[in-house]
Amino acid sequence: MKSLLRVGAALVGLSAVAAYVAVGWVAGIVLFTFAVAAFVLSLARLARAYAPTMRCSSCNATVSVYGRFRCSACRAVTEGSAWRCPLCSAEYQFVPCPQCGVACVRPDRGSS
C-alpha cells in the first residue's frame, strides 16, 4: 500500500512538472516579447533624442536642436546642443519654435 502511495505521489509530482513545462513556456515567450518591444521602443526614443532636428507639435516646423544658442544662465553664445550649455552645464527642457514660439519639449524628457 505504501509503495502504491509513493507511486501516486510521484505521478502527481511528475504531472505537475509536465503541466509547468507544457504551459510555462507561454509565459516566458510573453515576457520575452514584452522585453524585446520595450528595448526597441527605448532605441527609437534614443534615436529621437539625439536627432539634429525635431518637429514642432503646433505648426510642424523643423526645429534645430544643434547650432548656435545663447545660454540663459551664463548668457554665453556657444555652438552645440540646445539641451546643455558646454560652459556652465545648465540643462534645458525645451527649445522655442522659430516660427510660432511654442515650447518644443526635449524628446528624452517628455512628449514631443
C-alpha atoms as a PDB file:
ATOM      1  CA  MET A   1       0.000   0.000   0.000  1.00  0.00           C
ATOM      2  CA  LYS A   2       2.826   2.391   0.891  1.00  0.00           C
ATOM      3  CA  SER A   3       4.547   1.739  -2.410  1.00  0.00           C
ATOM      4  CA  LEU A   4       1.294   2.469  -4.224  1.00  0.00           C
ATOM      5  CA  LEU A   5       1.040   5.834  -2.391  1.00  0.00           C
ATOM      6  CA  ARG A   6       4.619   6.633  -3.309  1.00  0.00           C
ATOM      7  CA  VAL A   7       3.957   5.859  -6.962  1.00  0.00           C
ATOM      8  CA  GLY A   8       0.799   8.010  -6.845  1.00  0.00           C
ATOM      9  CA  ALA A   9       2.693  10.906  -5.251  1.00  0.00           C
ATOM     10  CA  ALA A  10       5.428  10.568  -7.843  1.00  0.00           C
ATOM     11  CA  LEU A  11       2.844  10.619 -10.651  1.00  0.00           C
ATOM     12  CA  VAL A  12       1.212  13.731  -9.192  1.00  0.00           C
ATOM     13  CA  GLY A  13       4.608  15.399  -8.937  1.00  0.00           C
ATOM     14  CA  LEU A  14       5.519  14.422 -12.480  1.00  0.00           C
ATOM     15  CA  SER A  15       2.180  15.625 -13.817  1.00  0.00           C
ATOM     16  CA  ALA A  16       2.706  18.996 -12.096  1.00  0.00           C
ATOM     17  CA  VAL A  17       6.135  19.282 -13.695  1.00  0.00           C
ATOM     18  CA  ALA A  18       4.714  18.224 -17.060  1.00  0.00           C
ATOM     19  CA  ALA A  19       1.952  20.846 -16.768  1.00  0.00           C
ATOM     20  CA  TYR A  20       4.516  23.529 -15.922  1.00  0.00           C
ATOM     21  CA  VAL A  21       6.688  22.556 -18.873  1.00  0.00           C
ATOM     22  CA  ALA A  22       3.677  22.438 -21.182  1.00  0.00           C
ATOM     23  CA  VAL A  23       2.242  25.821 -20.154  1.00  0.00           C
ATOM     24  CA  GLY A  24       5.178  27.644 -18.546  1.00  0.00           C
ATOM     25  CA  TRP A  25       6.909  28.411 -21.824  1.00  0.00           C
ATOM     26  CA  VAL A  26       3.926  30.562 -22.870  1.00  0.00           C
ATOM     27  CA  ALA A  27       4.587  32.985 -20.025  1.00  0.00           C
ATOM     28  CA  GLY A  28       8.270  33.018 -20.947  1.00  0.00           C
ATOM     29  CA  ILE A  29       7.509  33.896 -24.561  1.00  0.00           C
ATOM     30  CA  VAL A  30       5.102  36.654 -23.484  1.00  0.00           C
ATOM     31  CA  LEU A  31       7.690  38.150 -21.123  1.00  0.00           C
ATOM     32  CA  PHE A  32      10.409  37.899 -23.768  1.00  0.00           C
ATOM     33  CA  THR A  33       8.155  39.619 -26.328  1.00  0.00           C
ATOM     34  CA  PHE A  34       7.441  42.483 -23.938  1.00  0.00           C
ATOM     35  CA  ALA A  35      11.151  42.846 -23.137  1.00  0.00           C
ATOM     36  CA  VAL A  36      12.073  42.999 -26.846  1.00  0.00           C
ATOM     37  CA  ALA A  37       9.304  45.538 -27.529  1.00  0.00           C
ATOM     38  CA  ALA A  38      10.465  47.733 -24.630  1.00  0.00           C
ATOM     39  CA  PHE A  39      14.051  47.578 -25.919  1.00  0.00           C
ATOM     40  CA  VAL A  40      13.009  48.569 -29.452  1.00  0.00           C
ATOM     41  CA  LEU A  41      10.935  51.470 -28.112  1.00  0.00           C
ATOM     42  CA  SER A  42      13.842  52.681 -25.993  1.00  0.00           C
ATOM     43  CA  LEU A  43      16.110  52.604 -29.066  1.00  0.00           C
ATOM     44  CA  ALA A  44      13.549  54.628 -31.014  1.00  0.00           C
ATOM     45  CA  ARG A  45      13.328  57.157 -28.160  1.00  0.00           C
ATOM     46  CA  LEU A  46      17.116  57.377 -28.018  1.00  0.00           C
ATOM     47  CA  ALA A  47      17.354  57.979 -31.774  1.00  0.00           C
ATOM     48  CA  ARG A  48      14.771  60.765 -31.474  1.00  0.00           C
ATOM     49  CA  ALA A  49      16.635  62.308 -28.538  1.00  0.00           C
ATOM     50  CA  TYR A  50      19.901  62.559 -30.489  1.00  0.00           C
ATOM     51  CA  ALA A  51      18.400  63.650 -33.805  1.00  0.00           C
ATOM     52  CA  PRO A  52      19.724  67.010 -35.116  1.00  0.00           C
ATOM     53  CA  THR A  53      16.196  68.345 -35.658  1.00  0.00           C
ATOM     54  CA  MET A  54      12.725  67.838 -34.271  1.00  0.00           C
ATOM     55  CA  ARG A  55       9.229  68.819 -35.314  1.00  0.00           C
ATOM     56  CA  CYS A  56       7.157  71.500 -33.592  1.00  0.00           C
ATOM     57  CA  SER A  57       3.990  69.945 -32.201  1.00  0.00           C
ATOM     58  CA  SER A  58       1.966  73.057 -33.050  1.00  0.00           C
ATOM     59  CA  CYS A  59       2.987  74.231 -36.544  1.00  0.00           C
ATOM     60  CA  ASN A  60       5.019  71.147 -37.660  1.00  0.00           C
ATOM     61  CA  ALA A  61       8.051  73.334 -38.450  1.00  0.00           C
ATOM     62  CA  THR A  62      11.570  71.903 -38.277  1.00  0.00           C
ATOM     63  CA  VAL A  63      13.330  72.993 -35.083  1.00  0.00           C
ATOM     64  CA  SER A  64      17.094  72.679 -34.969  1.00  0.00           C
ATOM     65  CA  VAL A  65      18.491  71.351 -31.687  1.00  0.00           C
ATOM     66  CA  TYR A  66      22.145  71.730 -32.709  1.00  0.00           C
ATOM     67  CA  GLY A  67      23.587  75.063 -33.692  1.00  0.00           C
ATOM     68  CA  ARG A  68      24.319  78.452 -32.121  1.00  0.00           C
ATOM     69  CA  PHE A  69      22.418  79.141 -28.905  1.00  0.00           C
ATOM     70  CA  ARG A  70      22.532  81.681 -26.079  1.00  0.00           C
ATOM     71  CA  CYS A  71      22.581  80.175 -22.592  1.00  0.00           C
ATOM     72  CA  SER A  72      20.008  81.841 -20.374  1.00  0.00           C
ATOM     73  CA  ALA A  73      22.041  81.045 -17.253  1.00  0.00           C
ATOM     74  CA  CYS A  74      25.511  82.390 -18.153  1.00  0.00           C
ATOM     75  CA  ARG A  75      24.477  84.405 -21.264  1.00  0.00           C
ATOM     76  CA  ALA A  76      27.263  82.816 -23.348  1.00  0.00           C
ATOM     77  CA  VAL A  77      26.717  82.175 -27.055  1.00  0.00           C
ATOM     78  CA  THR A  78      28.056  78.740 -27.989  1.00  0.00           C
ATOM     79  CA  GLU A  79      27.666  76.174 -30.747  1.00  0.00           C
ATOM     80  CA  GLY A  80      26.420  72.726 -29.889  1.00  0.00           C
ATOM     81  CA  SER A  81      23.372  71.132 -28.371  1.00  0.00           C
ATOM     82  CA  ALA A  82      20.414  73.213 -27.285  1.00  0.00           C
ATOM     83  CA  TRP A  83      19.880  70.955 -24.278  1.00  0.00           C
ATOM     84  CA  ARG A  84      23.068  71.735 -22.313  1.00  0.00           C
ATOM     85  CA  CYS A  85      25.444  74.686 -22.081  1.00  0.00           C
ATOM     86  CA  PRO A  86      29.057  73.496 -22.507  1.00  0.00           C
ATOM     87  CA  LEU A  87      30.387  76.298 -20.287  1.00  0.00           C
ATOM     88  CA  CYS A  88      28.141  76.292 -17.216  1.00  0.00           C
ATOM     89  CA  SER A  89      26.473  72.850 -17.707  1.00  0.00           C
ATOM     90  CA  ALA A  90      22.974  74.288 -17.394  1.00  0.00           C
ATOM     91  CA  GLU A  91      20.326  71.900 -18.762  1.00  0.00           C
ATOM     92  CA  TYR A  92      17.233  72.960 -20.674  1.00  0.00           C
ATOM     93  CA  GLN A  93      13.962  71.101 -21.148  1.00  0.00           C
ATOM     94  CA  PHE A  94      12.619  72.876 -24.223  1.00  0.00           C
ATOM     95  CA  VAL A  95      13.551  74.953 -27.272  1.00  0.00           C
ATOM     96  CA  PRO A  96      11.188  77.605 -28.614  1.00  0.00           C
ATOM     97  CA  CYS A  97       9.925  77.047 -32.154  1.00  0.00           C
ATOM     98  CA  PRO A  98      11.405  79.690 -34.511  1.00  0.00           C
ATOM     99  CA  GLN A  99       8.069  80.119 -36.335  1.00  0.00           C
ATOM    100  CA  CYS A 100       5.308  80.011 -33.724  1.00  0.00           C
ATOM    101  CA  GLY A 101       7.243  80.283 -30.431  1.00  0.00           C
ATOM    102  CA  VAL A 102       5.681  77.176 -28.843  1.00  0.00           C
ATOM    103  CA  ALA A 103       7.972  75.250 -26.497  1.00  0.00           C
ATOM    104  CA  CYS A 104       9.310  72.086 -28.160  1.00  0.00           C
ATOM    105  CA  VAL A 105       9.912  69.657 -25.302  1.00  0.00           C
ATOM    106  CA  ARG A 106      13.139  67.676 -25.076  1.00  0.00           C
ATOM    107  CA  PRO A 107      12.366  64.220 -26.576  1.00  0.00           C
ATOM    108  CA  ASP A 108      14.042  62.163 -23.851  1.00  0.00           C
ATOM    109  CA  ARG A 109      12.348  64.076 -21.007  1.00  0.00           C
ATOM    110  CA  GLY A 110       8.763  64.413 -22.135  1.00  0.00           C
ATOM    111  CA  SER A 111       6.380  64.156 -25.030  1.00  0.00           C
ATOM    112  CA  SER A 112       7.435  65.758 -28.285  1.00  0.00           C
END
